[in-house]
N, C-alpha and C. Protein backbone atom coordinates (compact mmCIF):
# COMPACT_ATOMS: atom_id res chain seq x y z
N MET A 1 92.82 121.45 82.88
CA MET A 1 91.13 121.40 82.11
C MET A 1 90.53 119.98 82.12
N THR A 2 90.94 119.09 81.88
CA THR A 2 90.92 117.59 81.55
C THR A 2 90.18 117.22 83.35
N GLY A 3 91.27 117.57 84.35
CA GLY A 3 90.98 117.36 84.93
C GLY A 3 89.83 118.22 86.03
N LEU A 4 89.90 119.34 85.97
CA LEU A 4 88.59 120.14 86.20
C LEU A 4 87.01 119.18 86.05
N VAL A 5 87.54 119.12 84.71
CA VAL A 5 86.00 117.89 84.10
C VAL A 5 85.46 116.81 84.66
N LEU A 6 86.67 116.10 84.81
CA LEU A 6 86.76 114.33 85.60
C LEU A 6 86.33 114.87 86.90
N ASP A 7 86.66 115.62 87.81
CA ASP A 7 86.52 116.20 88.51
C ASP A 7 84.77 116.28 88.67
N GLY A 8 84.55 117.25 87.85
CA GLY A 8 82.57 117.63 87.81
C GLY A 8 81.94 116.46 87.83
N LEU A 9 82.74 115.55 86.87
CA LEU A 9 81.69 114.18 86.36
C LEU A 9 82.00 113.70 87.50
N ALA A 10 82.86 113.11 88.64
CA ALA A 10 83.26 112.36 89.69
C ALA A 10 82.13 112.83 90.98
N GLY A 11 81.70 114.47 90.75
CA GLY A 11 80.67 114.83 92.10
C GLY A 11 79.75 114.57 91.25
N ILE A 12 79.71 114.65 90.75
CA ILE A 12 78.43 113.92 89.98
C ILE A 12 77.43 112.84 90.20
N ALA A 13 78.47 112.14 89.76
CA ALA A 13 78.28 109.94 89.04
C ALA A 13 78.65 109.44 90.98
N VAL A 14 79.81 109.91 91.70
CA VAL A 14 79.77 108.98 92.52
C VAL A 14 79.11 109.30 93.64
N PRO A 15 78.78 110.48 94.46
CA PRO A 15 77.31 110.33 95.34
C PRO A 15 75.95 109.77 94.82
N LEU A 16 75.52 109.81 93.22
CA LEU A 16 74.00 109.19 93.19
C LEU A 16 74.75 107.53 93.20
N LEU A 17 76.04 106.84 92.72
CA LEU A 17 75.72 105.58 92.99
C LEU A 17 76.35 105.09 94.16
N VAL A 18 76.54 105.99 95.05
CA VAL A 18 76.86 105.66 96.68
C VAL A 18 75.44 105.14 97.34
N GLU A 19 74.50 106.46 97.23
CA GLU A 19 73.57 106.27 97.55
C GLU A 19 72.74 105.34 96.94
N MET A 20 72.69 104.92 95.65
CA MET A 20 71.78 104.09 95.04
C MET A 20 71.97 102.43 95.76
N VAL A 21 72.93 102.49 96.01
CA VAL A 21 74.33 101.00 96.88
C VAL A 21 73.82 101.15 98.15
N ASP A 22 73.81 102.16 98.66
CA ASP A 22 73.43 102.49 100.16
C ASP A 22 71.85 102.35 100.53
N ASP A 23 71.24 102.76 99.53
CA ASP A 23 69.78 102.59 100.22
C ASP A 23 68.82 101.10 99.57
N ARG A 24 69.65 100.40 98.93
CA ARG A 24 69.61 98.94 98.46
C ARG A 24 69.61 98.24 99.90
N TRP A 25 70.88 98.13 100.17
CA TRP A 25 71.41 97.57 101.68
C TRP A 25 70.68 98.45 103.22
N THR A 26 69.97 97.19 103.58
CA THR A 26 69.70 97.95 105.24
C THR A 26 70.57 96.92 106.11
N GLN A 27 70.87 97.28 107.13
CA GLN A 27 71.21 97.46 108.40
C GLN A 27 70.62 98.65 109.64
N ARG A 28 70.00 97.56 110.78
CA ARG A 28 69.68 98.95 111.50
C ARG A 28 70.92 99.71 112.29
N VAL A 29 72.13 98.86 112.54
CA VAL A 29 73.00 99.92 113.11
C VAL A 29 74.31 100.24 112.16
N GLY A 30 74.80 101.35 111.94
CA GLY A 30 75.69 101.74 111.49
C GLY A 30 75.49 102.15 109.68
N HIS A 31 74.41 102.11 109.44
CA HIS A 31 73.97 102.08 108.27
C HIS A 31 74.64 102.95 107.27
N ARG A 32 75.24 103.91 108.00
CA ARG A 32 76.23 104.68 106.72
C ARG A 32 77.49 104.92 107.21
N LEU A 33 77.78 104.01 108.28
CA LEU A 33 79.32 103.82 108.50
C LEU A 33 80.13 103.10 108.14
N ARG A 34 79.88 102.08 106.94
CA ARG A 34 80.37 101.29 106.65
C ARG A 34 80.75 101.59 105.39
N PHE A 35 80.29 102.64 105.02
CA PHE A 35 80.95 103.36 103.66
C PHE A 35 82.21 104.51 104.06
N VAL A 36 81.94 105.19 104.85
CA VAL A 36 83.19 105.63 105.79
C VAL A 36 84.03 105.13 106.06
N LEU A 37 84.03 104.14 106.56
CA LEU A 37 85.37 103.28 107.04
C LEU A 37 86.18 102.49 105.53
N LEU A 38 84.79 102.31 104.91
CA LEU A 38 85.31 101.83 103.68
C LEU A 38 86.41 102.66 102.78
N VAL A 39 85.42 103.37 102.20
CA VAL A 39 86.29 104.90 101.38
C VAL A 39 87.21 105.57 102.40
N ALA A 40 87.31 105.87 103.74
CA ALA A 40 88.13 106.67 104.33
C ALA A 40 89.67 105.78 103.97
N SER A 41 89.59 104.17 104.16
CA SER A 41 90.55 103.60 103.89
C SER A 41 91.36 103.40 102.78
N VAL A 42 90.28 103.87 101.34
CA VAL A 42 90.82 104.17 99.67
C VAL A 42 91.66 105.47 100.46
N ALA A 43 90.86 106.47 100.77
CA ALA A 43 91.25 108.25 100.76
C ALA A 43 92.70 108.01 100.98
N VAL A 44 92.87 106.82 102.47
CA VAL A 44 94.28 106.82 102.90
C VAL A 44 95.48 106.40 101.68
N VAL A 45 95.02 104.79 101.37
CA VAL A 45 96.18 104.98 100.00
C VAL A 45 95.98 105.40 99.13
N GLY A 46 95.28 106.16 98.60
CA GLY A 46 95.27 107.13 97.65
C GLY A 46 96.16 108.45 98.12
N LEU A 47 96.63 108.72 99.64
CA LEU A 47 97.14 110.03 99.70
C LEU A 47 98.76 109.33 99.60
N LEU A 48 98.80 108.21 100.30
CA LEU A 48 99.85 107.66 100.71
C LEU A 48 100.60 107.53 99.22
N LEU A 49 99.95 107.36 98.06
CA LEU A 49 100.13 106.69 96.48
C LEU A 49 100.77 108.15 96.35
N ALA A 50 99.84 109.13 96.29
CA ALA A 50 100.33 111.11 96.03
C ALA A 50 101.64 111.31 96.54
N ALA A 51 101.61 110.70 98.08
CA ALA A 51 103.46 111.25 98.80
C ALA A 51 104.21 110.48 98.56
N LEU A 52 104.32 109.34 97.89
CA LEU A 52 105.04 108.57 97.20
C LEU A 52 106.34 109.32 96.33
N ASP A 53 105.64 110.18 95.33
CA ASP A 53 106.28 110.78 94.37
C ASP A 53 107.02 109.47 93.32
N VAL A 54 106.68 108.77 92.93
CA VAL A 54 107.73 107.71 92.30
C VAL A 54 107.46 108.01 91.08
N SER A 55 106.20 108.58 90.38
CA SER A 55 106.49 109.09 89.18
C SER A 55 104.89 109.54 88.72
N PRO A 56 104.94 110.25 87.79
CA PRO A 56 103.36 111.44 87.24
C PRO A 56 102.41 109.88 87.58
N ALA A 57 102.20 109.37 86.80
CA ALA A 57 101.23 108.32 87.00
C ALA A 57 101.14 107.63 88.14
N VAL A 58 101.73 107.25 89.18
CA VAL A 58 101.24 107.24 90.50
C VAL A 58 100.39 108.49 91.05
N ILE A 59 101.36 109.15 91.30
CA ILE A 59 101.12 110.60 91.32
C ILE A 59 99.17 111.19 91.13
N ILE A 60 98.88 110.60 89.38
CA ILE A 60 97.63 111.20 88.93
C ILE A 60 97.01 110.02 89.62
N VAL A 61 96.89 108.72 89.86
CA VAL A 61 96.26 107.28 90.14
C VAL A 61 95.82 107.96 92.17
N GLY A 62 96.82 108.14 92.55
CA GLY A 62 96.67 108.24 94.39
C GLY A 62 95.80 109.77 94.29
N ALA A 63 95.81 110.61 93.21
CA ALA A 63 94.88 111.52 93.50
C ALA A 63 93.67 111.51 92.66
N GLY A 64 93.26 110.46 92.19
CA GLY A 64 92.24 110.16 91.61
C GLY A 64 91.49 109.22 92.61
N LEU A 65 92.31 107.93 93.33
CA LEU A 65 91.58 107.61 94.32
C LEU A 65 91.29 108.49 95.85
N TYR A 66 91.75 109.96 95.77
CA TYR A 66 91.40 110.35 96.76
C TYR A 66 90.49 111.28 96.86
N PHE A 67 89.88 111.87 95.29
CA PHE A 67 88.96 112.19 94.91
C PHE A 67 87.94 111.44 94.68
N LEU A 68 88.46 110.24 94.52
CA LEU A 68 86.69 109.39 94.39
C LEU A 68 86.06 109.43 95.55
N ALA A 69 87.06 108.47 97.05
CA ALA A 69 86.90 108.54 97.90
C ALA A 69 85.87 109.95 98.68
N HIS A 70 86.91 110.67 98.21
CA HIS A 70 86.09 112.26 98.45
C HIS A 70 85.06 112.38 98.55
N PHE A 71 84.85 112.22 97.60
CA PHE A 71 82.86 112.28 96.91
C PHE A 71 82.22 111.16 98.06
N ALA A 72 82.64 110.07 97.60
CA ALA A 72 82.10 108.91 98.39
C ALA A 72 81.64 109.29 99.55
N VAL A 73 82.79 109.91 100.58
CA VAL A 73 83.10 109.63 102.16
C VAL A 73 81.39 110.78 102.47
N LEU A 74 81.78 112.22 101.63
CA LEU A 74 80.55 113.12 101.52
C LEU A 74 79.17 112.70 101.45
N THR A 75 78.84 111.99 100.76
CA THR A 75 77.65 111.55 100.69
C THR A 75 77.26 111.20 101.07
N PRO A 76 77.21 110.16 102.28
CA PRO A 76 76.87 110.21 103.65
C PRO A 76 76.45 111.34 104.55
N TYR A 77 77.61 112.36 104.21
CA TYR A 77 77.33 112.97 105.66
C TYR A 77 76.36 114.11 105.20
N GLU A 78 76.42 114.19 103.66
CA GLU A 78 75.14 115.25 103.06
C GLU A 78 73.78 114.73 103.16
N ALA A 79 73.88 113.44 103.74
CA ALA A 79 72.24 112.86 103.45
C ALA A 79 71.74 112.94 104.77
N LEU A 80 73.12 113.42 105.70
CA LEU A 80 72.08 113.43 106.75
C LEU A 80 71.81 114.57 107.45
């Protein structure tokens, strides 16, 4: 139950924060591409941490990183 609440809160807060930061930075080429590349690397790290299966805490951190990156990478896509 707690995971669903945190997932919903992240789904609301992360896109707002990403858009706020993205709108303040101006660059003609690759305006949203920098977020996609940065956040995709964070998602890969999160998936690798979850795949290592070292301990439950590492899996939770890896899943959290992945979901934060997932919501952040969807924001530029949905803005188009």
